[in-house]
Amino acid sequence: MTCDTPLMPRVLLIEDDPSVREGVELGLRRRGHEVRTAATGEAGLTALGEFQPDLLLLDLMLPGMNGVQVCRQVRETSQLPIIMLTARGDDFDVVVGLEAGADDYIVKPARTEVIEARIRAVLRRIEEPGGRPAVEFHGDLAVDRAGLGVAKSGQRVALAPSELKLLLFLSAAPEQVFSRQQLLEHVWEHSYHADARLVDACVRRLRNKIEDVPGSPRYIQTLRGFGYRFGPL
């Protein structure tokens, strides 16, 4: 997504169930979104290049190339925001989907207003309070708050939206411990008791990208029974 993203984001929906696909498409179009749909993972990847969406709504259980495979392939070349659609919130594949790079997930069936709220939450730009330096240096990690970019040892690190939001939020308050529920509220904007797997999967992905040794993290620290913090540095 770029800074010139239109007011109503363009959405690509990959969903094999015709009734769900048509219902979600109609609901989003009524709210002003431009929507392209596909019934298979393969067709969705083709549409991705042609349509250039601002966000991908991706069904988890697709025939042939499933949603996890699609997500992984998209993440090889793009940090496009991805929201998984799943029929079961306790499905083990949800965790796999989050590990593959999805930013959030929605359990079907879901009302249009719920889908719209999740889309807005994922796409919303991060507003930082004034008075902070545009670029902060934490060891070999540079966090560009103005440009929404991250570099490690001078090399730019490609982060998905949820990963970037999490890093910006945690690094804004070094040493402060945040519970999973607090992170869900501030980073994912879920005000209810949502699934902590969103946080844990995002932390693992982020560590794999910014830590020298992900298993012994230097930046994103775990305090068992409490949550996560940024540091010590």
C-alpha atoms as a PDB file:
ATOM      1  CA  MET A   1       0.000   0.000   0.000  1.00  0.00           C
ATOM      2  CA  THR A   2       1.327   3.443  -0.867  1.00  0.00           C
ATOM      3  CA  CYS A   3       0.654   6.891   0.530  1.00  0.00           C
ATOM      4  CA  ASP A   4      -1.705   7.672  -2.363  1.00  0.00           C
ATOM      5  CA  THR A   5      -4.034   4.812  -1.463  1.00  0.00           C
ATOM      6  CA  PRO A   6      -7.639   5.913  -2.212  1.00  0.00           C
ATOM      7  CA  LEU A   7     -10.060   6.635   0.612  1.00  0.00           C
ATOM      8  CA  MET A   8     -11.832   3.319   0.092  1.00  0.00           C
ATOM      9  CA  PRO A   9      -9.168   0.607  -0.318  1.00  0.00           C
ATOM     10  CA  ARG A  10      -9.166  -1.788  -3.259  1.00  0.00           C
ATOM     11  CA  VAL A  11      -9.759  -5.334  -2.036  1.00  0.00           C
ATOM     12  CA  LEU A  12      -8.934  -8.649  -3.665  1.00  0.00           C
ATOM     13  CA  LEU A  13     -11.082 -11.476  -2.295  1.00  0.00           C
ATOM     14  CA  ILE A  14      -9.981 -15.077  -2.872  1.00  0.00           C
ATOM     15  CA  GLU A  15     -12.838 -17.340  -1.746  1.00  0.00           C
ATOM     16  CA  ASP A  16     -14.112 -20.582  -3.287  1.00  0.00           C
ATOM     17  CA  ASP A  17     -17.602 -20.599  -1.715  1.00  0.00           C
ATOM     18  CA  PRO A  18     -19.868 -18.709  -4.176  1.00  0.00           C
ATOM     19  CA  SER A  19     -22.350 -17.551  -1.531  1.00  0.00           C
ATOM     20  CA  VAL A  20     -19.633 -16.205   0.765  1.00  0.00           C
ATOM     21  CA  ARG A  21     -17.748 -14.653  -2.129  1.00  0.00           C
ATOM     22  CA  GLU A  22     -20.808 -12.891  -3.518  1.00  0.00           C
ATOM     23  CA  GLY A  23     -22.000 -11.763  -0.073  1.00  0.00           C
ATOM     24  CA  VAL A  24     -18.670 -10.260   0.946  1.00  0.00           C
ATOM     25  CA  GLU A  25     -18.166  -8.654  -2.456  1.00  0.00           C
ATOM     26  CA  LEU A  26     -21.620  -7.075  -2.426  1.00  0.00           C
ATOM     27  CA  GLY A  27     -21.236  -5.815   1.135  1.00  0.00           C
ATOM     28  CA  LEU A  28     -17.849  -4.206   0.450  1.00  0.00           C
ATOM     29  CA  ARG A  29     -19.007  -2.678  -2.844  1.00  0.00           C
ATOM     30  CA  ARG A  30     -21.950  -1.092  -1.051  1.00  0.00           C
ATOM     31  CA  ARG A  31     -19.453   0.562   1.260  1.00  0.00           C
ATOM     32  CA  GLY A  32     -17.546   2.007  -1.681  1.00  0.00           C
ATOM     33  CA  HIS A  33     -14.706  -0.479  -2.095  1.00  0.00           C
ATOM     34  CA  GLU A  34     -13.480  -1.571  -5.480  1.00  0.00           C
ATOM     35  CA  VAL A  35     -13.443  -5.367  -5.260  1.00  0.00           C
ATOM     36  CA  ARG A  36     -11.970  -8.098  -7.459  1.00  0.00           C
ATOM     37  CA  THR A  37     -12.740 -11.748  -6.688  1.00  0.00           C
ATOM     38  CA  ALA A  38     -11.198 -15.120  -7.478  1.00  0.00           C
ATOM     39  CA  ALA A  39     -12.347 -18.654  -6.656  1.00  0.00           C
ATOM     40  CA  THR A  40      -8.926 -20.359  -6.541  1.00  0.00           C
ATOM     41  CA  GLY A  41      -5.477 -19.542  -5.285  1.00  0.00           C
ATOM     42  CA  GLU A  42      -4.001 -19.708  -8.754  1.00  0.00           C
ATOM     43  CA  ALA A  43      -6.606 -17.305 -10.181  1.00  0.00           C
ATOM     44  CA  GLY A  44      -6.116 -15.045  -7.185  1.00  0.00           C
ATOM     45  CA  LEU A  45      -2.382 -14.735  -7.758  1.00  0.00           C
ATOM     46  CA  THR A  46      -3.031 -13.805 -11.377  1.00  0.00           C
ATOM     47  CA  ALA A  47      -5.593 -11.200 -10.287  1.00  0.00           C
ATOM     48  CA  LEU A  48      -3.133  -9.857  -7.717  1.00  0.00           C
ATOM     49  CA  GLY A  49      -0.743  -8.733 -10.420  1.00  0.00           C
ATOM     50  CA  GLU A  50      -3.467  -7.295 -12.615  1.00  0.00           C
ATOM     51  CA  PHE A  51      -5.582  -5.568  -9.955  1.00  0.00           C
ATOM     52  CA  GLN A  52      -2.889  -4.208  -7.595  1.00  0.00           C
ATOM     53  CA  PRO A  53      -5.129  -4.227  -4.482  1.00  0.00           C
ATOM     54  CA  ASP A  54      -4.498  -2.442  -1.202  1.00  0.00           C
ATOM     55  CA  LEU A  55      -5.478  -5.524   0.794  1.00  0.00           C
ATOM     56  CA  LEU A  56      -6.037  -9.246   0.290  1.00  0.00           C
ATOM     57  CA  LEU A  57      -8.933 -11.147   1.875  1.00  0.00           C
ATOM     58  CA  LEU A  58      -7.825 -14.754   1.628  1.00  0.00           C
ATOM     59  CA  ASP A  59      -9.843 -17.897   2.374  1.00  0.00           C
ATOM     60  CA  LEU A  60      -7.814 -20.445   4.292  1.00  0.00           C
ATOM     61  CA  MET A  61      -9.347 -23.621   2.848  1.00  0.00           C
ATOM     62  CA  LEU A  62      -9.085 -23.217  -0.909  1.00  0.00           C
ATOM     63  CA  PRO A  63      -9.142 -26.150  -3.317  1.00  0.00           C
ATOM     64  CA  GLY A  64      -5.792 -26.975  -4.891  1.00  0.00           C
ATOM     65  CA  MET A  65      -3.454 -24.209  -3.812  1.00  0.00           C
ATOM     66  CA  ASN A  66      -4.700 -23.417  -0.309  1.00  0.00           C
ATOM     67  CA  GLY A  67      -4.678 -20.078   1.478  1.00  0.00           C
ATOM     68  CA  VAL A  68      -1.486 -20.763   3.398  1.00  0.00           C
ATOM     69  CA  GLN A  69       0.376 -21.530   0.173  1.00  0.00           C
ATOM     70  CA  VAL A  70      -1.002 -18.394  -1.445  1.00  0.00           C
ATOM     71  CA  CYS A  71       0.015 -16.319   1.568  1.00  0.00           C
ATOM     72  CA  ARG A  72       3.554 -17.668   1.508  1.00  0.00           C
ATOM     73  CA  GLN A  73       3.897 -16.985  -2.205  1.00  0.00           C
ATOM     74  CA  VAL A  74       2.628 -13.426  -1.827  1.00  0.00           C
ATOM     75  CA  ARG A  75       5.048 -12.806   1.038  1.00  0.00           C
ATOM     76  CA  GLU A  76       8.001 -13.833  -1.127  1.00  0.00           C
ATOM     77  CA  THR A  77       7.665 -10.595  -3.100  1.00  0.00           C
ATOM     78  CA  SER A  78       5.165  -8.347  -1.312  1.00  0.00           C
ATOM     79  CA  GLN A  79       4.208  -6.956   2.095  1.00  0.00           C
ATOM     80  CA  LEU A  80       0.590  -6.504   0.994  1.00  0.00           C
ATOM     81  CA  PRO A  81      -1.766  -6.562   4.028  1.00  0.00           C
ATOM     82  CA  ILE A  82      -3.445  -9.967   4.258  1.00  0.00           C
ATOM     83  CA  ILE A  83      -6.509 -10.968   6.269  1.00  0.00           C
ATOM     84  CA  MET A  84      -7.295 -14.673   6.399  1.00  0.00           C
ATOM     85  CA  LEU A  85     -10.888 -15.946   6.266  1.00  0.00           C
ATOM     86  CA  THR A  86     -11.499 -19.176   8.153  1.00  0.00           C
ATOM     87  CA  ALA A  87     -14.526 -21.246   9.113  1.00  0.00           C
ATOM     88  CA  ARG A  88     -12.992 -22.272  12.454  1.00  0.00           C
ATOM     89  CA  GLY A  89     -11.301 -19.965  14.916  1.00  0.00           C
ATOM     90  CA  ASP A  90      -9.632 -22.866  16.707  1.00  0.00           C
ATOM     91  CA  ASP A  91      -8.306 -24.436  13.529  1.00  0.00           C
ATOM     92  CA  PHE A  92      -4.618 -25.357  13.705  1.00  0.00           C
ATOM     93  CA  ASP A  93      -4.268 -23.983  10.181  1.00  0.00           C
ATOM     94  CA  VAL A  94      -4.990 -20.494  11.525  1.00  0.00           C
ATOM     95  CA  VAL A  95      -1.656 -20.594  13.319  1.00  0.00           C
ATOM     96  CA  VAL A  96       0.036 -21.786  10.140  1.00  0.00           C
ATOM     97  CA  GLY A  97      -1.614 -18.953   8.234  1.00  0.00           C
ATOM     98  CA  LEU A  98      -0.403 -16.381  10.727  1.00  0.00           C
ATOM     99  CA  GLU A  99       3.095 -17.852  10.620  1.00  0.00           C
ATOM    100  CA  ALA A 100       2.958 -17.641   6.819  1.00  0.00           C
ATOM    101  CA  GLY A 101       2.541 -13.878   7.088  1.00  0.00           C
ATOM    102  CA  ALA A 102      -1.152 -13.044   7.483  1.00  0.00           C
ATOM    103  CA  ASP A 103      -1.780  -9.840   9.459  1.00  0.00           C
ATOM    104  CA  ASP A 104      -5.128 -10.869  10.923  1.00  0.00           C
ATOM    105  CA  TYR A 105      -7.932 -13.377  10.495  1.00  0.00           C
ATOM    106  CA  ILE A 106     -11.730 -13.363  10.521  1.00  0.00           C
ATOM    107  CA  VAL A 107     -13.974 -16.308  11.396  1.00  0.00           C
ATOM    108  CA  LYS A 108     -16.758 -16.900   8.874  1.00  0.00           C
ATOM    109  CA  PRO A 109     -19.566 -16.011   8.682  1.00  0.00           C
ATOM    110  CA  ALA A 110     -18.822 -12.365   9.459  1.00  0.00           C
ATOM    111  CA  ARG A 111     -20.924  -9.248   9.011  1.00  0.00           C
ATOM    112  CA  THR A 112     -19.732  -6.670   6.499  1.00  0.00           C
ATOM    113  CA  GLU A 113     -19.180  -4.093   9.243  1.00  0.00           C
ATOM    114  CA  VAL A 114     -16.836  -6.510  11.029  1.00  0.00           C
ATOM    115  CA  ILE A 115     -14.849  -7.123   7.847  1.00  0.00           C
ATOM    116  CA  GLU A 116     -14.759  -3.386   7.163  1.00  0.00           C
ATOM    117  CA  ALA A 117     -13.479  -2.653  10.672  1.00  0.00           C
ATOM    118  CA  ARG A 118     -10.687  -5.233  10.323  1.00  0.00           C
ATOM    119  CA  ILE A 119      -9.702  -3.809   6.934  1.00  0.00           C
ATOM    120  CA  ARG A 120      -9.513  -0.311   8.386  1.00  0.00           C
ATOM    121  CA  ALA A 121      -7.511  -1.500  11.387  1.00  0.00           C
ATOM    122  CA  VAL A 122      -4.935  -3.276   9.217  1.00  0.00           C
ATOM    123  CA  LEU A 123      -4.571  -0.401   6.769  1.00  0.00           C
ATOM    124  CA  ARG A 124      -4.640   2.523   9.177  1.00  0.00           C
ATOM    125  CA  ARG A 125      -1.380   4.430   9.183  1.00  0.00           C
ATOM    126  CA  ILE A 126       0.386   4.658  12.497  1.00  0.00           C
ATOM    127  CA  GLU A 127       0.168   8.063  14.110  1.00  0.00           C
ATOM    128  CA  GLU A 128       3.144   8.793  16.286  1.00  0.00           C
ATOM    129  CA  PRO A 129       3.112  11.513  18.959  1.00  0.00           C
ATOM    130  CA  GLY A 130       5.142  14.627  18.236  1.00  0.00           C
ATOM    131  CA  GLY A 131       8.580  15.220  19.616  1.00  0.00           C
ATOM    132  CA  ARG A 132      10.062  11.844  18.672  1.00  0.00           C
ATOM    133  CA  PRO A 133      13.047  11.687  16.303  1.00  0.00           C
ATOM    134  CA  ALA A 134      12.200  10.671  12.749  1.00  0.00           C
ATOM    135  CA  VAL A 135      14.788   7.864  12.863  1.00  0.00           C
ATOM    136  CA  GLU A 136      15.723   6.019  16.044  1.00  0.00           C
ATOM    137  CA  PHE A 137      18.807   3.826  16.383  1.00  0.00           C
ATOM    138  CA  HIS A 138      18.759   0.775  18.640  1.00  0.00           C
ATOM    139  CA  GLY A 139      22.087  -0.969  18.253  1.00  0.00           C
ATOM    140  CA  ASP A 140      22.270  -2.056  14.614  1.00  0.00           C
ATOM    141  CA  LEU A 141      18.530  -1.541  14.173  1.00  0.00           C
ATOM    142  CA  ALA A 142      17.269   1.742  12.656  1.00  0.00           C
ATOM    143  CA  VAL A 143      13.564   2.554  12.985  1.00  0.00           C
ATOM    144  CA  ASP A 144      12.312   5.278  10.645  1.00  0.00           C
ATOM    145  CA  ARG A 145       9.040   6.460  12.167  1.00  0.00           C
ATOM    146  CA  ALA A 146       8.427   9.151   9.553  1.00  0.00           C
ATOM    147  CA  GLY A 147       9.051   6.899   6.576  1.00  0.00           C
ATOM    148  CA  LEU A 148       7.651   3.761   8.242  1.00  0.00           C
ATOM    149  CA  GLY A 149      10.781   1.776   7.457  1.00  0.00           C
ATOM    150  CA  VAL A 150      13.247  -0.437   9.306  1.00  0.00           C
ATOM    151  CA  ALA A 151      16.872  -1.251   8.539  1.00  0.00           C
ATOM    152  CA  LYS A 152      19.284  -3.683  10.172  1.00  0.00           C
ATOM    153  CA  SER A 153      23.017  -3.105   9.739  1.00  0.00           C
ATOM    154  CA  GLY A 154      22.175  -0.682   6.938  1.00  0.00           C
ATOM    155  CA  GLN A 155      20.009  -3.157   5.043  1.00  0.00           C
ATOM    156  CA  ARG A 156      16.308  -2.431   4.718  1.00  0.00           C
ATOM    157  CA  VAL A 157      14.049  -5.030   6.347  1.00  0.00           C
ATOM    158  CA  ALA A 158      10.727  -5.797   4.653  1.00  0.00           C
ATOM    159  CA  LEU A 159       8.007  -5.992   7.307  1.00  0.00           C
ATOM    160  CA  ALA A 160       4.339  -6.817   6.906  1.00  0.00           C
ATOM    161  CA  PRO A 161       1.963  -4.144   8.308  1.00  0.00           C
ATOM    162  CA  SER A 162       1.300  -5.974  11.568  1.00  0.00           C
ATOM    163  CA  GLU A 163       5.035  -6.591  12.101  1.00  0.00           C
ATOM    164  CA  LEU A 164       5.851  -2.927  11.518  1.00  0.00           C
ATOM    165  CA  LYS A 165       3.052  -1.724  13.789  1.00  0.00           C
ATOM    166  CA  LEU A 166       4.179  -4.069  16.536  1.00  0.00           C
ATOM    167  CA  LEU A 167       7.808  -2.956  16.311  1.00  0.00           C
ATOM    168  CA  LEU A 168       6.882   0.743  16.258  1.00  0.00           C
ATOM    169  CA  PHE A 169       4.603   0.337  19.253  1.00  0.00           C
ATOM    170  CA  LEU A 170       7.049  -1.653  21.386  1.00  0.00           C
ATOM    171  CA  SER A 171      10.099   0.448  20.485  1.00  0.00           C
ATOM    172  CA  ALA A 172       8.226   3.646  21.426  1.00  0.00           C
ATOM    173  CA  ALA A 173       8.350   2.506  25.063  1.00  0.00           C
ATOM    174  CA  PRO A 174      11.591   0.592  25.680  1.00  0.00           C
ATOM    175  CA  GLU A 175      11.620  -1.593  28.781  1.00  0.00           C
ATOM    176  CA  GLN A 176       7.839  -1.291  29.243  1.00  0.00           C
ATOM    177  CA  VAL A 177       6.068  -4.647  29.379  1.00  0.00           C
ATOM    178  CA  PHE A 178       2.840  -5.064  27.411  1.00  0.00           C
ATOM    179  CA  SER A 179       0.446  -7.962  27.804  1.00  0.00           C
ATOM    180  CA  ARG A 180      -0.865  -9.769  24.761  1.00  0.00           C
ATOM    181  CA  GLN A 181      -4.275  -8.195  25.306  1.00  0.00           C
ATOM    182  CA  GLN A 182      -2.751  -4.708  25.402  1.00  0.00           C
ATOM    183  CA  LEU A 183      -0.922  -5.401  22.152  1.00  0.00           C
ATOM    184  CA  LEU A 184      -4.118  -6.713  20.543  1.00  0.00           C
ATOM    185  CA  GLU A 185      -5.872  -3.481  21.505  1.00  0.00           C
ATOM    186  CA  HIS A 186      -3.124  -1.077  20.436  1.00  0.00           C
ATOM    187  CA  VAL A 187      -1.622  -2.833  17.416  1.00  0.00           C
ATOM    188  CA  TRP A 188      -4.522  -4.853  15.995  1.00  0.00           C
ATOM    189  CA  GLU A 189      -7.218  -2.554  17.422  1.00  0.00           C
ATOM    190  CA  HIS A 190      -9.224  -5.471  18.779  1.00  0.00           C
ATOM    191  CA  SER A 191     -11.041  -4.115  21.827  1.00  0.00           C
ATOM    192  CA  TYR A 192     -12.430  -7.478  22.885  1.00  0.00           C
ATOM    193  CA  HIS A 193     -10.608 -10.522  24.262  1.00  0.00           C
ATOM    194  CA  ALA A 194      -9.183 -11.629  20.927  1.00  0.00           C
ATOM    195  CA  ASP A 195      -6.882 -14.464  19.978  1.00  0.00           C
ATOM    196  CA  ALA A 196      -3.374 -14.100  21.452  1.00  0.00           C
ATOM    197  CA  ARG A 197      -2.068 -16.240  18.584  1.00  0.00           C
ATOM    198  CA  LEU A 198      -2.071 -13.067  16.476  1.00  0.00           C
ATOM    199  CA  VAL A 199       0.519 -11.562  18.794  1.00  0.00           C
ATOM    200  CA  ASP A 200       2.688 -14.649  19.255  1.00  0.00           C
ATOM    201  CA  ALA A 201       2.845 -15.426  15.533  1.00  0.00           C
ATOM    202  CA  CYS A 202       3.701 -11.818  14.696  1.00  0.00           C
ATOM    203  CA  VAL A 203       6.455 -11.756  17.333  1.00  0.00           C
ATOM    204  CA  ARG A 204       7.995 -14.923  15.891  1.00  0.00           C
ATOM    205  CA  ARG A 205       7.949 -13.504  12.358  1.00  0.00           C
ATOM    206  CA  LEU A 206       9.410 -10.205  13.537  1.00  0.00           C
ATOM    207  CA  ARG A 207      12.191 -11.923  15.461  1.00  0.00           C
ATOM    208  CA  ASN A 208      13.107 -13.947  12.391  1.00  0.00           C
ATOM    209  CA  LYS A 209      13.651 -10.686  10.521  1.00  0.00           C
ATOM    210  CA  ILE A 210      15.390  -8.417  13.036  1.00  0.00           C
ATOM    211  CA  GLU A 211      17.173 -10.681  15.497  1.00  0.00           C
ATOM    212  CA  ASP A 212      20.610 -12.188  14.921  1.00  0.00           C
ATOM    213  CA  VAL A 213      19.529 -15.271  16.855  1.00  0.00           C
ATOM    214  CA  PRO A 214      15.705 -15.457  16.941  1.00  0.00           C
ATOM    215  CA  GLY A 215      15.810 -18.076  19.685  1.00  0.00           C
ATOM    216  CA  SER A 216      17.811 -15.687  21.899  1.00  0.00           C
ATOM    217  CA  PRO A 217      16.217 -12.350  21.044  1.00  0.00           C
ATOM    218  CA  ARG A 218      17.959  -9.086  21.756  1.00  0.00           C
ATOM    219  CA  TYR A 219      15.145  -6.698  20.841  1.00  0.00           C
ATOM    220  CA  ILE A 220      11.776  -8.368  21.414  1.00  0.00           C
ATOM    221  CA  GLN A 221      11.963  -9.876  24.885  1.00  0.00           C
ATOM    222  CA  THR A 222       9.433 -12.290  26.427  1.00  0.00           C
ATOM    223  CA  LEU A 223       8.519 -12.033  30.089  1.00  0.00           C
ATOM    224  CA  ARG A 224       6.717 -15.266  30.782  1.00  0.00           C
ATOM    225  CA  GLY A 225       3.338 -14.770  32.368  1.00  0.00           C
ATOM    226  CA  PHE A 226       3.376 -11.042  31.560  1.00  0.00           C
ATOM    227  CA  GLY A 227       3.956 -10.345  27.867  1.00  0.00           C
ATOM    228  CA  TYR A 228       6.569  -8.662  25.688  1.00  0.00           C
ATOM    229  CA  ARG A 229       8.872  -5.672  25.839  1.00  0.00           C
ATOM    230  CA  PHE A 230      11.431  -3.942  23.622  1.00  0.00           C
ATOM    231  CA  GLY A 231      14.929  -4.347  25.040  1.00  0.00           C
ATOM    232  CA  PRO A 232      17.153  -4.523  26.920  1.00  0.00           C
ATOM    233  CA  LEU A 233      19.414  -3.108  24.229  1.00  0.00           C
END
